[in-house]
Amino acid sequence: DHAPLLHDPVHARVARAGDVAAGDLILAGVGMGGADYFNDQYTARP
């Protein structure tokens, strides 16, 4: 159900939502069951 990532995930990391900075690319929500990737990866504008 999810499209391939648009950017190389080599630099991806898990962060708390409160620590996301402007310009970070948000790929997925992360929970105990794994990552829920978004079809529309988007740039953070906190």
PDB file of all heavy atoms in Angstrom:
ATOM      1  N   ASP A   1       0.808  -1.221   0.000  1.00  0.00           N
ATOM      2  CA  ASP A   1       0.000   0.000   0.000  1.00  0.00           C
ATOM      3  C   ASP A   1       0.842   1.273   0.000  1.00  0.00           C
ATOM      4  O   ASP A   1       0.319   2.361  -0.108  1.00  0.00           O
ATOM      5  CB  ASP A   1      -0.906   0.038   1.235  1.00  0.00           C
ATOM      6  CG  ASP A   1      -1.999  -1.006   1.184  1.00  0.00           C
ATOM      7  OD1 ASP A   1      -2.334  -1.455   0.068  1.00  0.00           O
ATOM      8  OD2 ASP A   1      -2.500  -1.386   2.247  1.00  0.00           O
ATOM      9  N   HIS A   2       2.152   1.125   0.151  1.00  0.00           N
ATOM     10  CA  HIS A   2       3.000   2.309   0.256  1.00  0.00           C
ATOM     11  C   HIS A   2       4.011   2.368  -0.884  1.00  0.00           C
ATOM     12  O   HIS A   2       4.564   1.360  -1.289  1.00  0.00           O
ATOM     13  CB  HIS A   2       3.725   2.321   1.604  1.00  0.00           C
ATOM     14  CG  HIS A   2       2.776   2.482   2.747  1.00  0.00           C
ATOM     15  ND1 HIS A   2       2.229   1.413   3.397  1.00  0.00           N
ATOM     16  CD2 HIS A   2       2.244   3.582   3.309  1.00  0.00           C
ATOM     17  CE1 HIS A   2       1.408   1.850   4.330  1.00  0.00           C
ATOM     18  NE2 HIS A   2       1.404   3.159   4.297  1.00  0.00           N
ATOM     19  N   ALA A   3       4.235   3.570  -1.332  1.00  0.00           N
ATOM     20  CA  ALA A   3       5.166   3.793  -2.438  1.00  0.00           C
ATOM     21  C   ALA A   3       6.609   3.709  -1.934  1.00  0.00           C
ATOM     22  O   ALA A   3       6.871   3.911  -0.752  1.00  0.00           O
ATOM     23  CB  ALA A   3       4.914   5.182  -3.033  1.00  0.00           C
ATOM     24  N   PRO A   4       7.554   3.445  -2.828  1.00  0.00           N
ATOM     25  CA  PRO A   4       8.974   3.469  -2.427  1.00  0.00           C
ATOM     26  C   PRO A   4       9.357   4.849  -1.909  1.00  0.00           C
ATOM     27  O   PRO A   4       8.766   5.861  -2.288  1.00  0.00           O
ATOM     28  CB  PRO A   4       9.717   3.157  -3.734  1.00  0.00           C
ATOM     29  CG  PRO A   4       8.717   2.492  -4.602  1.00  0.00           C
ATOM     30  CD  PRO A   4       7.376   3.075  -4.221  1.00  0.00           C
ATOM     31  N   LEU A   5      10.345   4.887  -1.041  1.00  0.00           N
ATOM     32  CA  LEU A   5      10.813   6.164  -0.513  1.00  0.00           C
ATOM     33  C   LEU A   5      11.401   6.998  -1.642  1.00  0.00           C
ATOM     34  O   LEU A   5      12.019   6.475  -2.567  1.00  0.00           O
ATOM     35  CB  LEU A   5      11.865   5.935   0.567  1.00  0.00           C
ATOM     36  CG  LEU A   5      11.398   5.147   1.782  1.00  0.00           C
ATOM     37  CD1 LEU A   5      12.538   4.997   2.780  1.00  0.00           C
ATOM     38  CD2 LEU A   5      10.200   5.799   2.439  1.00  0.00           C
ATOM     39  N   LEU A   6      11.229   8.290  -1.550  1.00  0.00           N
ATOM     40  CA  LEU A   6      11.708   9.198  -2.584  1.00  0.00           C
ATOM     41  C   LEU A   6      13.155   9.614  -2.360  1.00  0.00           C
ATOM     42  O   LEU A   6      13.777  10.183  -3.232  1.00  0.00           O
ATOM     43  CB  LEU A   6      10.811  10.441  -2.639  1.00  0.00           C
ATOM     44  CG  LEU A   6       9.342  10.152  -2.936  1.00  0.00           C
ATOM     45  CD1 LEU A   6       8.532  11.444  -2.863  1.00  0.00           C
ATOM     46  CD2 LEU A   6       9.194   9.489  -4.290  1.00  0.00           C
ATOM     47  N   HIS A   7      13.675   9.360  -1.162  1.00  0.00           N
ATOM     48  CA  HIS A   7      15.054   9.707  -0.816  1.00  0.00           C
ATOM     49  C   HIS A   7      15.755   8.476  -0.286  1.00  0.00           C
ATOM     50  O   HIS A   7      15.138   7.600   0.305  1.00  0.00           O
ATOM     51  CB  HIS A   7      15.096  10.815   0.243  1.00  0.00           C
ATOM     52  CG  HIS A   7      14.579  12.120  -0.254  1.00  0.00           C
ATOM     53  ND1 HIS A   7      15.364  13.000  -0.953  1.00  0.00           N
ATOM     54  CD2 HIS A   7      13.368  12.693  -0.176  1.00  0.00           C
ATOM     55  CE1 HIS A   7      14.651  14.053  -1.277  1.00  0.00           C
ATOM     56  NE2 HIS A   7      13.430  13.891  -0.814  1.00  0.00           N
ATOM     57  N   ASP A   8      17.042   8.423  -0.470  1.00  0.00           N
ATOM     58  CA  ASP A   8      17.845   7.325   0.051  1.00  0.00           C
ATOM     59  C   ASP A   8      17.711   7.307   1.575  1.00  0.00           C
ATOM     60  O   ASP A   8      17.988   8.308   2.231  1.00  0.00           O
ATOM     61  CB  ASP A   8      19.307   7.530  -0.347  1.00  0.00           C
ATOM     62  CG  ASP A   8      20.200   6.367   0.025  1.00  0.00           C
ATOM     63  OD1 ASP A   8      19.776   5.503   0.828  1.00  0.00           O
ATOM     64  OD2 ASP A   8      21.329   6.317  -0.485  1.00  0.00           O
ATOM     65  N   PRO A   9      17.280   6.175   2.147  1.00  0.00           N
ATOM     66  CA  PRO A   9      17.047   6.130   3.591  1.00  0.00           C
ATOM     67  C   PRO A   9      18.305   5.920   4.431  1.00  0.00           C
ATOM     68  O   PRO A   9      18.217   5.718   5.624  1.00  0.00           O
ATOM     69  CB  PRO A   9      16.101   4.935   3.725  1.00  0.00           C
ATOM     70  CG  PRO A   9      16.523   4.025   2.633  1.00  0.00           C
ATOM     71  CD  PRO A   9      16.881   4.943   1.481  1.00  0.00           C
ATOM     72  N   VAL A  10      19.476   6.004   3.822  1.00  0.00           N
ATOM     73  CA  VAL A  10      20.707   5.726   4.556  1.00  0.00           C
ATOM     74  C   VAL A  10      20.860   6.631   5.783  1.00  0.00           C
ATOM     75  O   VAL A  10      21.448   6.232   6.780  1.00  0.00           O
ATOM     76  CB  VAL A  10      21.945   5.801   3.638  1.00  0.00           C
ATOM     77  CG1 VAL A  10      22.226   7.225   3.198  1.00  0.00           C
ATOM     78  CG2 VAL A  10      23.159   5.184   4.312  1.00  0.00           C
ATOM     79  N   HIS A  11      20.327   7.819   5.751  1.00  0.00           N
ATOM     80  CA  HIS A  11      20.472   8.751   6.868  1.00  0.00           C
ATOM     81  C   HIS A  11      19.220   8.816   7.747  1.00  0.00           C
ATOM     82  O   HIS A  11      19.134   9.673   8.627  1.00  0.00           O
ATOM     83  CB  HIS A  11      20.803  10.151   6.359  1.00  0.00           C
ATOM     84  CG  HIS A  11      22.106  10.223   5.644  1.00  0.00           C
ATOM     85  ND1 HIS A  11      23.313   9.977   6.267  1.00  0.00           N
ATOM     86  CD2 HIS A  11      22.404  10.483   4.353  1.00  0.00           C
ATOM     87  CE1 HIS A  11      24.290  10.088   5.387  1.00  0.00           C
ATOM     88  NE2 HIS A  11      23.764  10.390   4.220  1.00  0.00           N
ATOM     89  N   ALA A  12      18.267   7.927   7.500  1.00  0.00           N
ATOM     90  CA  ALA A  12      17.030   7.944   8.290  1.00  0.00           C
ATOM     91  C   ALA A  12      17.332   7.575   9.741  1.00  0.00           C
ATOM     92  O   ALA A  12      18.247   6.808  10.032  1.00  0.00           O
ATOM     93  CB  ALA A  12      16.013   6.981   7.694  1.00  0.00           C
ATOM     94  N   ARG A  13      16.558   8.160  10.632  1.00  0.00           N
ATOM     95  CA  ARG A  13      16.694   7.844  12.044  1.00  0.00           C
ATOM     96  C   ARG A  13      15.337   8.018  12.712  1.00  0.00           C
ATOM     97  O   ARG A  13      14.458   8.705  12.201  1.00  0.00           O
ATOM     98  CB  ARG A  13      17.745   8.712  12.717  1.00  0.00           C
ATOM     99  CG  ARG A  13      17.370  10.171  12.837  1.00  0.00           C
ATOM    100  CD  ARG A  13      18.450  10.943  13.589  1.00  0.00           C
ATOM    101  NE  ARG A  13      18.062  12.292  13.860  1.00  0.00           N
ATOM    102  CZ  ARG A  13      17.385  12.698  14.933  1.00  0.00           C
ATOM    103  NH1 ARG A  13      16.994  11.840  15.820  1.00  0.00           N
ATOM    104  NH2 ARG A  13      17.097  13.965  15.109  1.00  0.00           N
ATOM    105  N   VAL A  14      15.195   7.396  13.865  1.00  0.00           N
ATOM    106  CA  VAL A  14      13.980   7.521  14.658  1.00  0.00           C
ATOM    107  C   VAL A  14      14.164   8.687  15.626  1.00  0.00           C
ATOM    108  O   VAL A  14      15.217   8.819  16.250  1.00  0.00           O
ATOM    109  CB  VAL A  14      13.687   6.213  15.421  1.00  0.00           C
ATOM    110  CG1 VAL A  14      12.469   6.366  16.316  1.00  0.00           C
ATOM    111  CG2 VAL A  14      13.489   5.059  14.437  1.00  0.00           C
ATOM    112  N   ALA A  15      13.146   9.523  15.726  1.00  0.00           N
ATOM    113  CA  ALA A  15      13.190  10.667  16.629  1.00  0.00           C
ATOM    114  C   ALA A  15      11.830  10.850  17.286  1.00  0.00           C
ATOM    115  O   ALA A  15      10.811  10.377  16.767  1.00  0.00           O
ATOM    116  CB  ALA A  15      13.553  11.942  15.860  1.00  0.00           C
ATOM    117  N   ARG A  16      11.827  11.530  18.402  1.00  0.00           N
ATOM    118  CA  ARG A  16      10.556  11.918  19.019  1.00  0.00           C
ATOM    119  C   ARG A  16       9.963  13.056  18.182  1.00  0.00           C
ATOM    120  O   ARG A  16      10.689  13.901  17.673  1.00  0.00           O
ATOM    121  CB  ARG A  16      10.790  12.385  20.442  1.00  0.00           C
ATOM    122  CG  ARG A  16      11.100  11.262  21.397  1.00  0.00           C
ATOM    123  CD  ARG A  16      11.171  11.813  22.830  1.00  0.00           C
ATOM    124  NE  ARG A  16      11.347  10.734  23.756  1.00  0.00           N
ATOM    125  CZ  ARG A  16      12.525  10.199  24.084  1.00  0.00           C
ATOM    126  NH1 ARG A  16      13.632  10.680  23.545  1.00  0.00           N
ATOM    127  NH2 ARG A  16      12.602   9.202  24.941  1.00  0.00           N
ATOM    128  N   ALA A  17       8.651  13.085  18.089  1.00  0.00           N
ATOM    129  CA  ALA A  17       7.992  14.145  17.318  1.00  0.00           C
ATOM    130  C   ALA A  17       8.385  15.520  17.844  1.00  0.00           C
ATOM    131  O   ALA A  17       8.564  16.456  17.068  1.00  0.00           O
ATOM    132  CB  ALA A  17       6.479  13.964  17.356  1.00  0.00           C
ATOM    133  N   GLY A  18       8.559  15.644  19.140  1.00  0.00           N
ATOM    134  CA  GLY A  18       8.945  16.925  19.732  1.00  0.00           C
ATOM    135  C   GLY A  18      10.345  17.375  19.369  1.00  0.00           C
ATOM    136  O   GLY A  18      10.693  18.532  19.561  1.00  0.00           O
ATOM    137  N   ASP A  19      11.159  16.457  18.830  1.00  0.00           N
ATOM    138  CA  ASP A  19      12.532  16.788  18.442  1.00  0.00           C
ATOM    139  C   ASP A  19      12.691  17.017  16.939  1.00  0.00           C
ATOM    140  O   ASP A  19      13.793  17.317  16.482  1.00  0.00           O
ATOM    141  CB  ASP A  19      13.488  15.676  18.883  1.00  0.00           C
ATOM    142  CG  ASP A  19      13.552  15.540  20.394  1.00  0.00           C
ATOM    143  OD1 ASP A  19      13.325  16.545  21.096  1.00  0.00           O
ATOM    144  OD2 ASP A  19      13.820  14.421  20.874  1.00  0.00           O
ATOM    145  N   VAL A  20      11.616  16.872  16.176  1.00  0.00           N
ATOM    146  CA  VAL A  20      11.682  17.076  14.732  1.00  0.00           C
ATOM    147  C   VAL A  20      11.902  18.558  14.460  1.00  0.00           C
ATOM    148  O   VAL A  20      11.271  19.421  15.066  1.00  0.00           O
ATOM    149  CB  VAL A  20      10.388  16.572  14.055  1.00  0.00           C
ATOM    150  CG1 VAL A  20      10.355  16.954  12.583  1.00  0.00           C
ATOM    151  CG2 VAL A  20      10.270  15.060  14.223  1.00  0.00           C
ATOM    152  N   ALA A  21      12.821  18.850  13.547  1.00  0.00           N
ATOM    153  CA  ALA A  21      13.172  20.236  13.221  1.00  0.00           C
ATOM    154  C   ALA A  21      12.635  20.632  11.851  1.00  0.00           C
ATOM    155  O   ALA A  21      12.359  19.773  11.006  1.00  0.00           O
ATOM    156  CB  ALA A  21      14.697  20.396  13.244  1.00  0.00           C
ATOM    157  N   ALA A  22      12.534  21.906  11.621  1.00  0.00           N
ATOM    158  CA  ALA A  22      12.093  22.421  10.328  1.00  0.00           C
ATOM    159  C   ALA A  22      13.009  21.887   9.230  1.00  0.00           C
ATOM    160  O   ALA A  22      14.232  21.895   9.372  1.00  0.00           O
ATOM    161  CB  ALA A  22      12.097  23.943  10.322  1.00  0.00           C
ATOM    162  N   GLY A  23      12.407  21.390   8.168  1.00  0.00           N
ATOM    163  CA  GLY A  23      13.165  20.873   7.037  1.00  0.00           C
ATOM    164  C   GLY A  23      13.423  19.380   7.080  1.00  0.00           C
ATOM    165  O   GLY A  23      13.817  18.795   6.076  1.00  0.00           O
ATOM    166  N   ASP A  24      13.238  18.734   8.246  1.00  0.00           N
ATOM    167  CA  ASP A  24      13.397  17.280   8.313  1.00  0.00           C
ATOM    168  C   ASP A  24      12.341  16.628   7.423  1.00  0.00           C
ATOM    169  O   ASP A  24      11.216  17.123   7.308  1.00  0.00           O
ATOM    170  CB  ASP A  24      13.214  16.764   9.744  1.00  0.00           C
ATOM    171  CG  ASP A  24      14.333  17.164  10.686  1.00  0.00           C
ATOM    172  OD1 ASP A  24      15.381  17.668  10.211  1.00  0.00           O
ATOM    173  OD2 ASP A  24      14.169  16.968  11.905  1.00  0.00           O
ATOM    174  N   LEU A  25      12.703  15.523   6.791  1.00  0.00           N
ATOM    175  CA  LEU A  25      11.771  14.781   5.950  1.00  0.00           C
ATOM    176  C   LEU A  25      11.130  13.686   6.787  1.00  0.00           C
ATOM    177  O   LEU A  25      11.830  12.829   7.343  1.00  0.00           O
ATOM    178  CB  LEU A  25      12.488  14.170   4.750  1.00  0.00           C
ATOM    179  CG  LEU A  25      11.599  13.425   3.760  1.00  0.00           C
ATOM    180  CD1 LEU A  25      10.648  14.398   3.057  1.00  0.00           C
ATOM    181  CD2 LEU A  25      12.449  12.686   2.743  1.00  0.00           C
ATOM    182  N   ILE A  26       9.815  13.702   6.911  1.00  0.00           N
ATOM    183  CA  ILE A  26       9.088  12.727   7.715  1.00  0.00           C
ATOM    184  C   ILE A  26       8.666  11.581   6.808  1.00  0.00           C
ATOM    185  O   ILE A  26       7.952  11.776   5.830  1.00  0.00           O
ATOM    186  CB  ILE A  26       7.885  13.376   8.403  1.00  0.00           C
ATOM    187  CG1 ILE A  26       8.365  14.520   9.286  1.00  0.00           C
ATOM    188  CG2 ILE A  26       7.101  12.338   9.201  1.00  0.00           C
ATOM    189  CD1 ILE A  26       7.266  15.344   9.896  1.00  0.00           C
ATOM    190  N   LEU A  27       9.139  10.367   7.151  1.00  0.00           N
ATOM    191  CA  LEU A  27       8.886   9.184   6.335  1.00  0.00           C
ATOM    192  C   LEU A  27       7.790   8.293   6.893  1.00  0.00           C
ATOM    193  O   LEU A  27       7.040   7.675   6.132  1.00  0.00           O
ATOM    194  CB  LEU A  27      10.165   8.344   6.208  1.00  0.00           C
ATOM    195  CG  LEU A  27      11.407   9.042   5.673  1.00  0.00           C
ATOM    196  CD1 LEU A  27      12.595   8.089   5.721  1.00  0.00           C
ATOM    197  CD2 LEU A  27      11.169   9.537   4.264  1.00  0.00           C
ATOM    198  N   ALA A  28       7.713   8.161   8.230  1.00  0.00           N
ATOM    199  CA  ALA A  28       6.796   7.190   8.826  1.00  0.00           C
ATOM    200  C   ALA A  28       6.567   7.487  10.291  1.00  0.00           C
ATOM    201  O   ALA A  28       7.383   8.130  10.942  1.00  0.00           O
ATOM    202  CB  ALA A  28       7.381   5.781   8.685  1.00  0.00           C
ATOM    203  N   GLY A  29       5.452   6.988  10.790  1.00  0.00           N
ATOM    204  CA  GLY A  29       5.222   6.935  12.221  1.00  0.00           C
ATOM    205  C   GLY A  29       5.792   5.608  12.703  1.00  0.00           C
ATOM    206  O   GLY A  29       5.752   4.613  11.981  1.00  0.00           O
ATOM    207  N   VAL A  30       6.342   5.572  13.898  1.00  0.00           N
ATOM    208  CA  VAL A  30       6.976   4.360  14.413  1.00  0.00           C
ATOM    209  C   VAL A  30       6.289   3.949  15.710  1.00  0.00           C
ATOM    210  O   VAL A  30       6.091   4.782  16.599  1.00  0.00           O
ATOM    211  CB  VAL A  30       8.480   4.584  14.675  1.00  0.00           C
ATOM    212  CG1 VAL A  30       9.127   3.346  15.260  1.00  0.00           C
ATOM    213  CG2 VAL A  30       9.190   5.000  13.389  1.00  0.00           C
ATOM    214  N   GLY A  31       5.933   2.672  15.783  1.00  0.00           N
ATOM    215  CA  GLY A  31       5.312   2.135  16.985  1.00  0.00           C
ATOM    216  C   GLY A  31       5.871   0.758  17.284  1.00  0.00           C
ATOM    217  O   GLY A  31       6.794   0.283  16.610  1.00  0.00           O
ATOM    218  N   MET A  32       5.319   0.115  18.266  1.00  0.00           N
ATOM    219  CA  MET A  32       5.797  -1.210  18.658  1.00  0.00           C
ATOM    220  C   MET A  32       5.649  -2.225  17.526  1.00  0.00           C
ATOM    221  O   MET A  32       6.402  -3.182  17.447  1.00  0.00           O
ATOM    222  CB  MET A  32       5.047  -1.693  19.894  1.00  0.00           C
ATOM    223  CG  MET A  32       5.340  -0.862  21.135  1.00  0.00           C
ATOM    224  SD  MET A  32       7.092  -0.773  21.532  1.00  0.00           S
ATOM    225  CE  MET A  32       7.357  -2.414  22.157  1.00  0.00           C
ATOM    226  N   GLY A  33       4.709  -2.017  16.639  1.00  0.00           N
ATOM    227  CA  GLY A  33       4.486  -2.936  15.520  1.00  0.00           C
ATOM    228  C   GLY A  33       5.353  -2.651  14.308  1.00  0.00           C
ATOM    229  O   GLY A  33       5.244  -3.313  13.286  1.00  0.00           O
ATOM    230  N   GLY A  34       6.200  -1.641  14.380  1.00  0.00           N
ATOM    231  CA  GLY A  34       7.048  -1.283  13.246  1.00  0.00           C
ATOM    232  C   GLY A  34       6.734   0.107  12.748  1.00  0.00           C
ATOM    233  O   GLY A  34       6.110   0.911  13.435  1.00  0.00           O
ATOM    234  N   ALA A  35       7.153   0.375  11.532  1.00  0.00           N
ATOM    235  CA  ALA A  35       6.957   1.695  10.933  1.00  0.00           C
ATOM    236  C   ALA A  35       5.725   1.699  10.039  1.00  0.00           C
ATOM    237  O   ALA A  35       5.486   0.755   9.299  1.00  0.00           O
ATOM    238  CB  ALA A  35       8.186   2.089  10.118  1.00  0.00           C
ATOM    239  N   ASP A  36       4.957   2.756  10.118  1.00  0.00           N
ATOM    240  CA  ASP A  36       3.805   2.960   9.248  1.00  0.00           C
ATOM    241  C   ASP A  36       4.200   4.069   8.272  1.00  0.00           C
ATOM    242  O   ASP A  36       4.108   5.259   8.577  1.00  0.00           O
ATOM    243  CB  ASP A  36       2.578   3.363  10.059  1.00  0.00           C
ATOM    244  CG  ASP A  36       1.349   3.579   9.197  1.00  0.00           C
ATOM    245  OD1 ASP A  36       1.339   3.114   8.031  1.00  0.00           O
ATOM    246  OD2 ASP A  36       0.399   4.225   9.677  1.00  0.00           O
ATOM    247  N   TYR A  37       4.694   3.656   7.105  1.00  0.00           N
ATOM    248  CA  TYR A  37       5.185   4.613   6.113  1.00  0.00           C
ATOM    249  C   TYR A  37       4.044   5.424   5.523  1.00  0.00           C
ATOM    250  O   TYR A  37       2.952   4.920   5.304  1.00  0.00           O
ATOM    251  CB  TYR A  37       5.920   3.882   4.983  1.00  0.00           C
ATOM    252  CG  TYR A  37       7.250   3.332   5.410  1.00  0.00           C
ATOM    253  CD1 TYR A  37       7.353   2.058   5.953  1.00  0.00           C
ATOM    254  CD2 TYR A  37       8.404   4.083   5.284  1.00  0.00           C
ATOM    255  CE1 TYR A  37       8.573   1.555   6.362  1.00  0.00           C
ATOM    256  CE2 TYR A  37       9.635   3.593   5.685  1.00  0.00           C
ATOM    257  CZ  TYR A  37       9.705   2.322   6.221  1.00  0.00           C
ATOM    258  OH  TYR A  37      10.906   1.836   6.629  1.00  0.00           O
ATOM    259  N   PHE A  38       4.336   6.690   5.246  1.00  0.00           N
ATOM    260  CA  PHE A  38       3.348   7.566   4.633  1.00  0.00           C
ATOM    261  C   PHE A  38       3.507   7.523   3.123  1.00  0.00           C
ATOM    262  O   PHE A  38       4.628   7.496   2.608  1.00  0.00           O
ATOM    263  CB  PHE A  38       3.531   9.007   5.115  1.00  0.00           C
ATOM    264  CG  PHE A  38       3.474   9.138   6.616  1.00  0.00           C
ATOM    265  CD1 PHE A  38       4.473   9.786   7.306  1.00  0.00           C
ATOM    266  CD2 PHE A  38       2.413   8.611   7.334  1.00  0.00           C
ATOM    267  CE1 PHE A  38       4.423   9.921   8.677  1.00  0.00           C
ATOM    268  CE2 PHE A  38       2.354   8.728   8.698  1.00  0.00           C
ATOM    269  CZ  PHE A  38       3.362   9.387   9.376  1.00  0.00           C
ATOM    270  N   ASN A  39       2.389   7.536   2.397  1.00  0.00           N
ATOM    271  CA  ASN A  39       2.464   7.635   0.939  1.00  0.00           C
ATOM    272  C   ASN A  39       3.008   8.993   0.539  1.00  0.00           C
ATOM    273  O   ASN A  39       3.685   9.133  -0.465  1.00  0.00           O
ATOM    274  CB  ASN A  39       1.098   7.412   0.305  1.00  0.00           C
ATOM    275  CG  ASN A  39       0.778   5.944   0.168  1.00  0.00           C
ATOM    276  OD1 ASN A  39       1.672   5.110   0.027  1.00  0.00           O
ATOM    277  ND2 ASN A  39      -0.494   5.612   0.230  1.00  0.00           N
ATOM    278  N   ASP A  40       2.683   9.997   1.311  1.00  0.00           N
ATOM    279  CA  ASP A  40       3.165  11.351   1.047  1.00  0.00           C
ATOM    280  C   ASP A  40       4.211  11.706   2.105  1.00  0.00           C
ATOM    281  O   ASP A  40       3.877  12.200   3.173  1.00  0.00           O
ATOM    282  CB  ASP A  40       2.016  12.360   1.109  1.00  0.00           C
ATOM    283  CG  ASP A  40       1.007  12.163   0.013  1.00  0.00           C
ATOM    284  OD1 ASP A  40       1.429  11.848  -1.114  1.00  0.00           O
ATOM    285  OD2 ASP A  40      -0.197  12.307   0.276  1.00  0.00           O
ATOM    286  N   GLN A  41       5.480  11.399   1.805  1.00  0.00           N
ATOM    287  CA  GLN A  41       6.544  11.826   2.702  1.00  0.00           C
ATOM    288  C   GLN A  41       6.568  13.346   2.637  1.00  0.00           C
ATOM    289  O   GLN A  41       6.365  13.918   1.577  1.00  0.00           O
ATOM    290  CB  GLN A  41       7.859  11.232   2.230  1.00  0.00           C
ATOM    291  CG  GLN A  41       7.806   9.707   2.203  1.00  0.00           C
ATOM    292  CD  GLN A  41       8.558   9.132   1.024  1.00  0.00           C
ATOM    293  OE1 GLN A  41       9.596   9.633   0.654  1.00  0.00           O
ATOM    294  NE2 GLN A  41       8.022   8.082   0.430  1.00  0.00           N
ATOM    295  N   TYR A  42       6.774  13.984   3.774  1.00  0.00           N
ATOM    296  CA  TYR A  42       6.645  15.438   3.765  1.00  0.00           C
ATOM    297  C   TYR A  42       7.700  16.119   4.618  1.00  0.00           C
ATOM    298  O   TYR A  42       8.284  15.527   5.503  1.00  0.00           O
ATOM    299  CB  TYR A  42       5.242  15.859   4.198  1.00  0.00           C
ATOM    300  CG  TYR A  42       4.850  15.439   5.599  1.00  0.00           C
ATOM    301  CD1 TYR A  42       4.911  16.348   6.644  1.00  0.00           C
ATOM    302  CD2 TYR A  42       4.390  14.150   5.863  1.00  0.00           C
ATOM    303  CE1 TYR A  42       4.544  15.983   7.922  1.00  0.00           C
ATOM    304  CE2 TYR A  42       4.019  13.773   7.139  1.00  0.00           C
ATOM    305  CZ  TYR A  42       4.091  14.698   8.163  1.00  0.00           C
ATOM    306  OH  TYR A  42       3.730  14.328   9.436  1.00  0.00           O
ATOM    307  N   THR A  43       7.921  17.375   4.307  1.00  0.00           N
ATOM    308  CA  THR A  43       8.898  18.190   5.003  1.00  0.00           C
ATOM    309  C   THR A  43       8.257  18.790   6.250  1.00  0.00           C
ATOM    310  O   THR A  43       7.166  19.365   6.182  1.00  0.00           O
ATOM    311  CB  THR A  43       9.404  19.318   4.089  1.00  0.00           C
ATOM    312  OG1 THR A  43       9.975  18.723   2.921  1.00  0.00           O
ATOM    313  CG2 THR A  43      10.447  20.169   4.783  1.00  0.00           C
ATOM    314  N   ALA A  44       8.949  18.661   7.369  1.00  0.00           N
ATOM    315  CA  ALA A  44       8.438  19.202   8.630  1.00  0.00           C
ATOM    316  C   ALA A  44       8.487  20.718   8.619  1.00  0.00           C
ATOM    317  O   ALA A  44       9.469  21.323   8.186  1.00  0.00           O
ATOM    318  CB  ALA A  44       9.258  18.655   9.796  1.00  0.00           C
ATOM    319  N   ARG A  45       7.412  21.289   9.101  1.00  0.00           N
ATOM    320  CA  ARG A  45       7.313  22.741   9.306  1.00  0.00           C
ATOM    321  C   ARG A  45       6.684  22.944  10.682  1.00  0.00           C
ATOM    322  O   ARG A  45       5.511  23.339  10.782  1.00  0.00           O
ATOM    323  CB  ARG A  45       6.451  23.368   8.214  1.00  0.00           C
ATOM    324  CG  ARG A  45       7.061  23.283   6.830  1.00  0.00           C
ATOM    325  CD  ARG A  45       6.130  23.897   5.779  1.00  0.00           C
ATOM    326  NE  ARG A  45       6.730  23.845   4.476  1.00  0.00           N
ATOM    327  CZ  ARG A  45       6.572  22.852   3.612  1.00  0.00           C
ATOM    328  NH1 ARG A  45       5.820  21.823   3.918  1.00  0.00           N
ATOM    329  NH2 ARG A  45       7.157  22.878   2.433  1.00  0.00           N
ATOM    330  N   PRO A  46       7.440  22.631  11.751  1.00  0.00           N
ATOM    331  CA  PRO A  46       6.868  22.683  13.102  1.00  0.00           C
ATOM    332  C   PRO A  46       6.360  24.066  13.480  1.00  0.00           C
ATOM    333  O   PRO A  46       6.917  25.079  13.064  1.00  0.00           O
ATOM    334  CB  PRO A  46       8.038  22.286  14.004  1.00  0.00           C
ATOM    335  CG  PRO A  46       9.022  21.619  13.122  1.00  0.00           C
ATOM    336  CD  PRO A  46       8.846  22.231  11.766  1.00  0.00           C
TER     337      PRO A  46
END
